[in-house]
């Protein structure tokens, strides 16, 4: 559990944590994630709430076992999300996605392809429309 620290970044070498199932990094000062995060093949829960993330690496789409992704209270509306960030093997695993309180005006189209999604939280954003198929 790395929550409630002042971390500004995760090391690119985080890929050595390949057996990690839960990564809790909420309440830090993260502004971006390393692309190597996509190599955490066993990851099932990723908590990144209350950071300063402006974008997400498309490599998140490689997390084929990730069930829970908490991204609430970040700055994702100030950056841009790659269109395929919720595609790939992630689309067949993710059950819970929290994007609340990010100032988002639009969502990447790949969000409509999350076939096993059970809980989607989009409150406290600036959404003007939802992607087709959602």
N, C-alpha and C. Protein backbone atom coordinates (compact mmCIF):
# COMPACT_ATOMS: atom_id res chain seq x y z
N UNK A 1 0.85 -1.18 0.00
CA UNK A 1 0.00 0.00 0.00
C UNK A 1 0.90 1.24 0.00
N UNK A 2 0.83 2.01 -1.07
CA UNK A 2 1.63 3.23 -1.21
C UNK A 2 0.78 4.49 -1.05
N UNK A 3 -0.44 4.34 -0.57
CA UNK A 3 -1.37 5.47 -0.45
C UNK A 3 -0.90 6.49 0.57
N UNK A 4 -1.39 7.73 0.39
CA UNK A 4 -1.17 8.82 1.33
C UNK A 4 0.31 9.12 1.57
N UNK A 5 1.04 9.21 0.47
CA UNK A 5 2.42 9.65 0.51
C UNK A 5 2.52 10.90 -0.37
N UNK A 6 3.68 11.23 -0.82
CA UNK A 6 3.83 12.37 -1.73
C UNK A 6 4.51 11.93 -3.03
N UNK A 7 4.24 10.71 -3.44
CA UNK A 7 4.85 10.17 -4.66
C UNK A 7 4.45 10.99 -5.88
N UNK A 8 5.44 11.37 -6.68
CA UNK A 8 5.17 12.11 -7.91
C UNK A 8 5.19 11.19 -9.13
N UNK A 9 5.81 10.02 -8.98
CA UNK A 9 5.86 9.07 -10.09
C UNK A 9 6.10 7.67 -9.56
N UNK A 10 5.69 6.70 -10.35
CA UNK A 10 6.03 5.31 -10.09
C UNK A 10 7.23 4.98 -10.97
N UNK A 11 8.12 4.14 -10.49
CA UNK A 11 9.31 3.83 -11.29
C UNK A 11 8.95 3.03 -12.54
N UNK A 12 9.65 3.29 -13.63
CA UNK A 12 9.48 2.52 -14.85
C UNK A 12 9.77 1.05 -14.58
N UNK A 13 10.60 0.78 -13.60
CA UNK A 13 10.96 -0.59 -13.23
C UNK A 13 9.86 -1.31 -12.47
N UNK A 14 8.69 -0.71 -12.35
CA UNK A 14 7.59 -1.38 -11.64
C UNK A 14 7.19 -2.68 -12.34
N UNK A 15 7.66 -2.89 -13.54
CA UNK A 15 7.34 -4.12 -14.27
C UNK A 15 7.89 -5.36 -13.56
N UNK A 16 8.84 -5.19 -12.65
CA UNK A 16 9.37 -6.34 -11.90
C UNK A 16 8.36 -6.85 -10.88
N UNK A 17 7.30 -6.09 -10.64
CA UNK A 17 6.26 -6.51 -9.70
C UNK A 17 5.23 -7.39 -10.41
N UNK A 18 5.65 -8.25 -11.29
CA UNK A 18 4.74 -8.99 -12.17
C UNK A 18 3.73 -9.85 -11.43
N UNK A 19 4.00 -10.27 -10.20
CA UNK A 19 3.06 -11.08 -9.44
C UNK A 19 2.09 -10.27 -8.59
N UNK A 20 2.24 -8.95 -8.60
CA UNK A 20 1.41 -8.07 -7.78
C UNK A 20 -0.05 -8.14 -8.20
N UNK A 21 -0.96 -8.31 -7.23
CA UNK A 21 -2.39 -8.39 -7.53
C UNK A 21 -3.13 -7.11 -7.18
N UNK A 22 -2.64 -6.36 -6.20
CA UNK A 22 -3.28 -5.13 -5.77
C UNK A 22 -2.23 -4.03 -5.65
N UNK A 23 -2.50 -2.88 -6.26
CA UNK A 23 -1.60 -1.74 -6.16
C UNK A 23 -2.43 -0.53 -5.72
N UNK A 24 -2.17 -0.08 -4.50
CA UNK A 24 -2.91 1.04 -3.93
C UNK A 24 -2.00 2.26 -3.89
N UNK A 25 -2.31 3.25 -4.71
CA UNK A 25 -1.49 4.47 -4.81
C UNK A 25 -2.34 5.73 -4.70
N UNK A 26 -3.44 5.66 -4.01
CA UNK A 26 -4.31 6.83 -3.86
C UNK A 26 -3.66 7.87 -2.96
N UNK A 27 -4.13 9.09 -3.08
CA UNK A 27 -3.68 10.21 -2.25
C UNK A 27 -2.17 10.44 -2.32
N UNK A 28 -1.71 10.60 -3.54
CA UNK A 28 -0.32 10.96 -3.80
C UNK A 28 -0.29 12.18 -4.71
N UNK A 29 0.78 12.39 -5.41
CA UNK A 29 0.91 13.52 -6.32
C UNK A 29 1.29 13.03 -7.72
N UNK A 30 0.83 11.84 -8.08
CA UNK A 30 1.16 11.26 -9.38
C UNK A 30 0.56 12.09 -10.51
N UNK A 31 1.36 12.41 -11.51
CA UNK A 31 0.86 13.15 -12.67
C UNK A 31 0.78 12.26 -13.91
N UNK A 32 1.50 11.14 -13.89
CA UNK A 32 1.45 10.19 -15.00
C UNK A 32 1.86 8.82 -14.49
N UNK A 33 1.57 7.81 -15.30
CA UNK A 33 1.95 6.44 -14.97
C UNK A 33 2.97 5.95 -15.99
N UNK A 34 3.90 5.11 -15.57
CA UNK A 34 4.87 4.58 -16.53
C UNK A 34 4.20 3.60 -17.49
N UNK A 35 4.67 3.54 -18.71
CA UNK A 35 4.10 2.61 -19.68
C UNK A 35 4.31 1.17 -19.24
N UNK A 36 5.32 0.92 -18.42
CA UNK A 36 5.60 -0.44 -17.95
C UNK A 36 4.49 -0.99 -17.05
N UNK A 37 3.56 -0.15 -16.63
CA UNK A 37 2.45 -0.63 -15.80
C UNK A 37 1.65 -1.70 -16.54
N UNK A 38 1.68 -1.67 -17.85
CA UNK A 38 0.99 -2.67 -18.65
C UNK A 38 1.58 -4.06 -18.53
N UNK A 39 2.74 -4.18 -17.90
CA UNK A 39 3.39 -5.48 -17.73
C UNK A 39 3.04 -6.15 -16.41
N UNK A 40 2.18 -5.52 -15.61
CA UNK A 40 1.76 -6.11 -14.33
C UNK A 40 0.62 -7.09 -14.60
N UNK A 41 0.97 -8.22 -15.16
CA UNK A 41 0.00 -9.18 -15.70
C UNK A 41 -0.95 -9.78 -14.67
N UNK A 42 -0.58 -9.78 -13.39
CA UNK A 42 -1.43 -10.37 -12.35
C UNK A 42 -2.32 -9.35 -11.65
N UNK A 43 -2.16 -8.07 -11.98
CA UNK A 43 -2.86 -7.00 -11.27
C UNK A 43 -4.38 -7.13 -11.42
N UNK A 44 -5.08 -7.12 -10.27
CA UNK A 44 -6.54 -7.21 -10.25
C UNK A 44 -7.20 -5.93 -9.76
N UNK A 45 -6.48 -5.16 -8.93
CA UNK A 45 -7.04 -3.90 -8.43
C UNK A 45 -5.97 -2.83 -8.51
N UNK A 46 -6.34 -1.69 -9.08
CA UNK A 46 -5.45 -0.54 -9.19
C UNK A 46 -6.19 0.69 -8.68
N UNK A 47 -5.74 1.22 -7.54
CA UNK A 47 -6.37 2.38 -6.92
C UNK A 47 -5.46 3.59 -7.09
N UNK A 48 -5.95 4.57 -7.85
CA UNK A 48 -5.19 5.79 -8.14
C UNK A 48 -6.00 7.04 -7.81
N UNK A 49 -6.96 6.93 -6.92
CA UNK A 49 -7.80 8.06 -6.54
C UNK A 49 -6.98 9.19 -5.92
N UNK A 50 -7.46 10.40 -6.10
CA UNK A 50 -6.88 11.58 -5.46
C UNK A 50 -5.39 11.76 -5.76
N UNK A 51 -5.08 11.77 -7.05
CA UNK A 51 -3.75 12.12 -7.53
C UNK A 51 -3.91 13.31 -8.46
N UNK A 52 -2.96 13.52 -9.34
CA UNK A 52 -3.02 14.62 -10.30
C UNK A 52 -2.83 14.12 -11.73
N UNK A 53 -3.31 12.91 -11.98
CA UNK A 53 -3.16 12.31 -13.30
C UNK A 53 -3.90 13.11 -14.36
N UNK A 54 -3.21 13.40 -15.47
CA UNK A 54 -3.81 14.13 -16.59
C UNK A 54 -4.07 13.24 -17.79
N UNK A 55 -3.42 12.10 -17.83
CA UNK A 55 -3.63 11.14 -18.91
C UNK A 55 -3.30 9.75 -18.39
N UNK A 56 -3.58 8.76 -19.20
CA UNK A 56 -3.30 7.37 -18.86
C UNK A 56 -2.53 6.73 -20.00
N UNK A 57 -1.60 5.85 -19.70
CA UNK A 57 -0.89 5.17 -20.78
C UNK A 57 -1.79 4.14 -21.44
N UNK A 58 -1.72 4.03 -22.75
CA UNK A 58 -2.53 3.06 -23.48
C UNK A 58 -2.18 1.64 -23.05
N UNK A 59 -1.03 1.45 -22.44
CA UNK A 59 -0.60 0.13 -21.96
C UNK A 59 -1.51 -0.42 -20.87
N UNK A 60 -2.34 0.43 -20.25
CA UNK A 60 -3.33 -0.09 -19.29
C UNK A 60 -4.22 -1.13 -19.95
N UNK A 61 -4.43 -1.00 -21.24
CA UNK A 61 -5.30 -1.93 -21.97
C UNK A 61 -4.74 -3.35 -22.00
N UNK A 62 -3.49 -3.53 -21.56
CA UNK A 62 -2.87 -4.86 -21.54
C UNK A 62 -3.11 -5.61 -20.23
N UNK A 63 -3.77 -4.98 -19.28
CA UNK A 63 -3.98 -5.59 -17.96
C UNK A 63 -5.19 -6.51 -18.00
N UNK A 64 -4.99 -7.71 -18.47
CA UNK A 64 -6.07 -8.66 -18.73
C UNK A 64 -6.71 -9.30 -17.52
N UNK A 65 -6.21 -9.01 -16.31
CA UNK A 65 -6.83 -9.54 -15.09
C UNK A 65 -7.40 -8.43 -14.21
N UNK A 66 -7.23 -7.18 -14.63
CA UNK A 66 -7.66 -6.05 -13.81
C UNK A 66 -9.19 -5.99 -13.73
N UNK A 67 -9.70 -6.09 -12.50
CA UNK A 67 -11.15 -6.06 -12.28
C UNK A 67 -11.63 -4.70 -11.78
N UNK A 68 -10.78 -4.00 -11.01
CA UNK A 68 -11.17 -2.73 -10.40
C UNK A 68 -10.13 -1.66 -10.72
N UNK A 69 -10.62 -0.54 -11.26
CA UNK A 69 -9.75 0.59 -11.58
C UNK A 69 -10.38 1.86 -11.01
N UNK A 70 -9.73 2.42 -10.00
CA UNK A 70 -10.23 3.61 -9.32
C UNK A 70 -9.39 4.81 -9.73
N UNK A 71 -10.01 5.71 -10.48
CA UNK A 71 -9.33 6.89 -11.01
C UNK A 71 -10.02 8.18 -10.59
N UNK A 72 -10.88 8.13 -9.60
CA UNK A 72 -11.64 9.30 -9.19
C UNK A 72 -10.73 10.38 -8.59
N UNK A 73 -11.19 11.61 -8.72
CA UNK A 73 -10.52 12.78 -8.15
C UNK A 73 -9.09 12.96 -8.67
N UNK A 74 -8.97 12.97 -9.99
CA UNK A 74 -7.72 13.27 -10.66
C UNK A 74 -7.95 14.48 -11.58
N UNK A 75 -7.11 14.67 -12.55
CA UNK A 75 -7.21 15.81 -13.47
C UNK A 75 -7.30 15.33 -14.91
N UNK A 76 -7.96 14.20 -15.13
CA UNK A 76 -8.01 13.60 -16.46
C UNK A 76 -8.72 14.49 -17.48
N UNK A 77 -9.57 15.39 -17.04
CA UNK A 77 -10.24 16.31 -17.95
C UNK A 77 -9.32 17.39 -18.48
N UNK A 78 -8.17 17.58 -17.86
CA UNK A 78 -7.22 18.60 -18.31
C UNK A 78 -6.24 18.07 -19.34
N UNK A 79 -6.22 16.75 -19.51
CA UNK A 79 -5.35 16.13 -20.50
C UNK A 79 -6.20 15.44 -21.55
N UNK A 80 -5.69 14.38 -22.09
CA UNK A 80 -6.49 13.61 -23.05
C UNK A 80 -6.25 12.13 -22.79
N UNK A 81 -7.30 11.36 -22.94
CA UNK A 81 -7.21 9.92 -22.76
C UNK A 81 -7.06 9.26 -24.12
N UNK A 82 -6.12 8.34 -24.27
CA UNK A 82 -5.99 7.63 -25.55
C UNK A 82 -7.29 6.90 -25.88
N UNK A 83 -7.72 6.91 -27.14
CA UNK A 83 -9.00 6.28 -27.50
C UNK A 83 -9.08 4.81 -27.14
N UNK A 84 -7.95 4.10 -27.15
CA UNK A 84 -7.95 2.65 -26.90
C UNK A 84 -7.55 2.27 -25.48
N UNK A 85 -7.52 3.22 -24.56
CA UNK A 85 -7.03 2.95 -23.21
C UNK A 85 -7.85 1.87 -22.49
N UNK A 86 -9.13 1.73 -22.82
CA UNK A 86 -9.97 0.71 -22.18
C UNK A 86 -10.23 -0.47 -23.12
N UNK A 87 -9.41 -0.63 -24.13
CA UNK A 87 -9.55 -1.74 -25.08
C UNK A 87 -8.67 -2.91 -24.69
N UNK A 88 -8.20 -3.65 -25.67
CA UNK A 88 -7.29 -4.77 -25.44
C UNK A 88 -7.86 -5.82 -24.51
N UNK A 89 -6.98 -6.51 -23.80
CA UNK A 89 -7.43 -7.56 -22.88
C UNK A 89 -8.15 -6.99 -21.67
N UNK A 90 -7.90 -5.73 -21.34
CA UNK A 90 -8.59 -5.08 -20.24
C UNK A 90 -10.10 -5.09 -20.46
N UNK A 91 -10.54 -4.96 -21.69
CA UNK A 91 -11.97 -4.87 -21.99
C UNK A 91 -12.73 -6.13 -21.60
N UNK A 92 -12.04 -7.25 -21.46
CA UNK A 92 -12.70 -8.50 -21.09
C UNK A 92 -12.57 -8.81 -19.61
N UNK A 93 -11.96 -7.93 -18.83
CA UNK A 93 -11.73 -8.19 -17.41
C UNK A 93 -12.35 -7.15 -16.49
N UNK A 94 -12.33 -5.88 -16.89
CA UNK A 94 -12.69 -4.79 -15.98
C UNK A 94 -14.17 -4.83 -15.59
N UNK A 95 -14.42 -4.92 -14.28
CA UNK A 95 -15.77 -4.98 -13.75
C UNK A 95 -16.20 -3.66 -13.11
N UNK A 96 -15.24 -2.90 -12.60
CA UNK A 96 -15.56 -1.66 -11.89
C UNK A 96 -14.60 -0.55 -12.33
N UNK A 97 -15.18 0.58 -12.75
CA UNK A 97 -14.39 1.72 -13.21
C UNK A 97 -14.97 2.99 -12.61
N UNK A 98 -14.15 3.71 -11.86
CA UNK A 98 -14.57 4.97 -11.25
C UNK A 98 -13.75 6.11 -11.87
N UNK A 99 -14.44 6.95 -12.63
CA UNK A 99 -13.83 8.13 -13.26
C UNK A 99 -14.45 9.41 -12.72
N UNK A 100 -15.08 9.36 -11.57
CA UNK A 100 -15.76 10.54 -11.03
C UNK A 100 -14.78 11.65 -10.67
N UNK A 101 -15.29 12.87 -10.68
CA UNK A 101 -14.54 14.06 -10.25
C UNK A 101 -13.22 14.24 -11.01
N UNK A 102 -13.30 14.20 -12.32
CA UNK A 102 -12.12 14.41 -13.17
C UNK A 102 -12.28 15.57 -14.13
N UNK A 103 -13.44 16.19 -14.19
CA UNK A 103 -13.66 17.28 -15.14
C UNK A 103 -13.71 16.81 -16.58
N UNK A 104 -14.04 15.54 -16.79
CA UNK A 104 -14.09 14.99 -18.15
C UNK A 104 -15.25 15.58 -18.95
N UNK A 105 -14.99 15.95 -20.19
CA UNK A 105 -16.04 16.41 -21.10
C UNK A 105 -16.43 15.33 -22.09
N UNK A 106 -15.54 14.36 -22.28
CA UNK A 106 -15.84 13.23 -23.16
C UNK A 106 -15.11 12.00 -22.66
N UNK A 107 -15.58 10.85 -23.13
CA UNK A 107 -14.99 9.58 -22.76
C UNK A 107 -14.38 8.92 -23.99
N UNK A 108 -13.31 8.16 -23.81
CA UNK A 108 -12.75 7.45 -24.96
C UNK A 108 -13.75 6.41 -25.47
N UNK A 109 -13.79 6.22 -26.77
CA UNK A 109 -14.76 5.30 -27.37
C UNK A 109 -14.60 3.87 -26.86
N UNK A 110 -13.40 3.49 -26.46
CA UNK A 110 -13.16 2.11 -26.00
C UNK A 110 -13.93 1.77 -24.73
N UNK A 111 -14.44 2.76 -24.02
CA UNK A 111 -15.19 2.49 -22.79
C UNK A 111 -16.46 1.68 -23.09
N UNK A 112 -17.00 1.84 -24.28
CA UNK A 112 -18.22 1.10 -24.66
C UNK A 112 -17.94 -0.38 -24.88
N UNK A 113 -16.69 -0.76 -25.00
CA UNK A 113 -16.33 -2.16 -25.24
C UNK A 113 -16.00 -2.95 -23.98
N UNK A 114 -16.23 -2.36 -22.81
CA UNK A 114 -15.96 -3.06 -21.55
C UNK A 114 -17.09 -4.06 -21.30
N UNK A 115 -16.94 -5.26 -21.79
CA UNK A 115 -18.05 -6.22 -21.87
C UNK A 115 -18.49 -6.82 -20.55
N UNK A 116 -17.65 -6.82 -19.52
CA UNK A 116 -18.06 -7.38 -18.22
C UNK A 116 -18.22 -6.30 -17.15
N UNK A 117 -18.22 -5.04 -17.56
CA UNK A 117 -18.34 -3.93 -16.62
C UNK A 117 -19.66 -4.01 -15.87
N UNK A 118 -19.58 -3.94 -14.53
CA UNK A 118 -20.76 -3.99 -13.68
C UNK A 118 -21.03 -2.65 -13.00
N UNK A 119 -19.98 -1.87 -12.79
CA UNK A 119 -20.14 -0.59 -12.09
C UNK A 119 -19.29 0.47 -12.78
N UNK A 120 -19.95 1.53 -13.22
CA UNK A 120 -19.28 2.65 -13.87
C UNK A 120 -19.72 3.92 -13.16
N UNK A 121 -18.77 4.64 -12.59
CA UNK A 121 -19.07 5.87 -11.85
C UNK A 121 -18.50 7.05 -12.63
N UNK A 122 -19.40 7.95 -13.04
CA UNK A 122 -19.01 9.11 -13.85
C UNK A 122 -19.49 10.43 -13.24
N UNK A 123 -19.88 10.42 -11.99
CA UNK A 123 -20.41 11.63 -11.35
C UNK A 123 -19.34 12.71 -11.26
N UNK A 124 -19.79 13.94 -11.12
CA UNK A 124 -18.93 15.12 -10.94
C UNK A 124 -17.92 15.29 -12.08
N UNK A 125 -18.41 15.21 -13.31
CA UNK A 125 -17.63 15.49 -14.50
C UNK A 125 -18.37 16.56 -15.30
N UNK A 126 -17.95 16.81 -16.52
CA UNK A 126 -18.60 17.80 -17.39
C UNK A 126 -19.00 17.14 -18.70
N UNK A 127 -19.47 15.92 -18.62
CA UNK A 127 -19.80 15.14 -19.81
C UNK A 127 -20.93 15.79 -20.60
N UNK A 128 -20.73 15.91 -21.89
CA UNK A 128 -21.74 16.47 -22.79
C UNK A 128 -22.50 15.37 -23.50
N UNK A 129 -21.85 14.22 -23.69
CA UNK A 129 -22.48 13.07 -24.33
C UNK A 129 -21.72 11.81 -23.95
N UNK A 130 -22.34 10.67 -24.20
CA UNK A 130 -21.71 9.38 -23.95
C UNK A 130 -21.37 8.72 -25.27
N UNK A 131 -20.34 7.90 -25.31
CA UNK A 131 -19.99 7.21 -26.56
C UNK A 131 -21.13 6.29 -27.00
N UNK A 132 -21.27 6.12 -28.29
CA UNK A 132 -22.28 5.20 -28.83
C UNK A 132 -22.01 3.81 -28.29
N UNK A 133 -23.06 3.11 -27.94
CA UNK A 133 -22.94 1.76 -27.43
C UNK A 133 -22.80 1.66 -25.93
N UNK A 134 -22.76 2.79 -25.24
CA UNK A 134 -22.62 2.75 -23.79
C UNK A 134 -23.98 2.69 -23.14
